[in-house]
Amino acid sequence: MRALVVASLVLACSAHADPRIGDAAPALELPDGRGHIVRRTPGRVAIIDFSATWCGPCHEALAALLPLVTPELELFIVDVGEDAASVERHYASRTLPATVHVVLDDHGVAATAWGHRRFPTTFLVDGAGVIRFINRGYGPGYPARIAQHLAALH
């Protein structure tokens, strides 16, 4: 019995803890559709949105996020678990602002590090790299919540 308790404690202590509001944001260095590594720009506010092309609520979230993008703000659309060709086809007909980056997390490594559990999951990160807001899922009030928390960062 004691061995079971010790093993459980070891597993619990070694398990990955999801980042929370106030924590430093995990690293975000992922390839875009052309294989170029994209990183957050230090000192810039960023929206990190974990998404998938097949996810209807993700499309609604993106429609709410795009009007909020400014030259001073970066938006990272982190596509989880899909191949580059599918993602490129999906975004090929869209014109996205220069500070919007579609990046690929094909094996879900970044999604795990960031504590992604459902689509979409949206993080707001301040210029110092600290998580200031987390929204899991899409529903009534999403656009207003994101806009309100984003305004507080400027």
Foldseek 3Di string as FASTA:
>chain_A
DVVVVVVVVVCVVPDADADDFFAFQDWQWFAALVGHTDGDDAQAKEKEKEAALVDPQLVVLVVLCQVVDDPRYAYEHEYEQDHSVVVCVSCVVPDGDPRYTYGYRNHCPSVVRNVQDAPIKMFIAANNRGTHDIDHTDDPPSSVVVVVSVVVRD
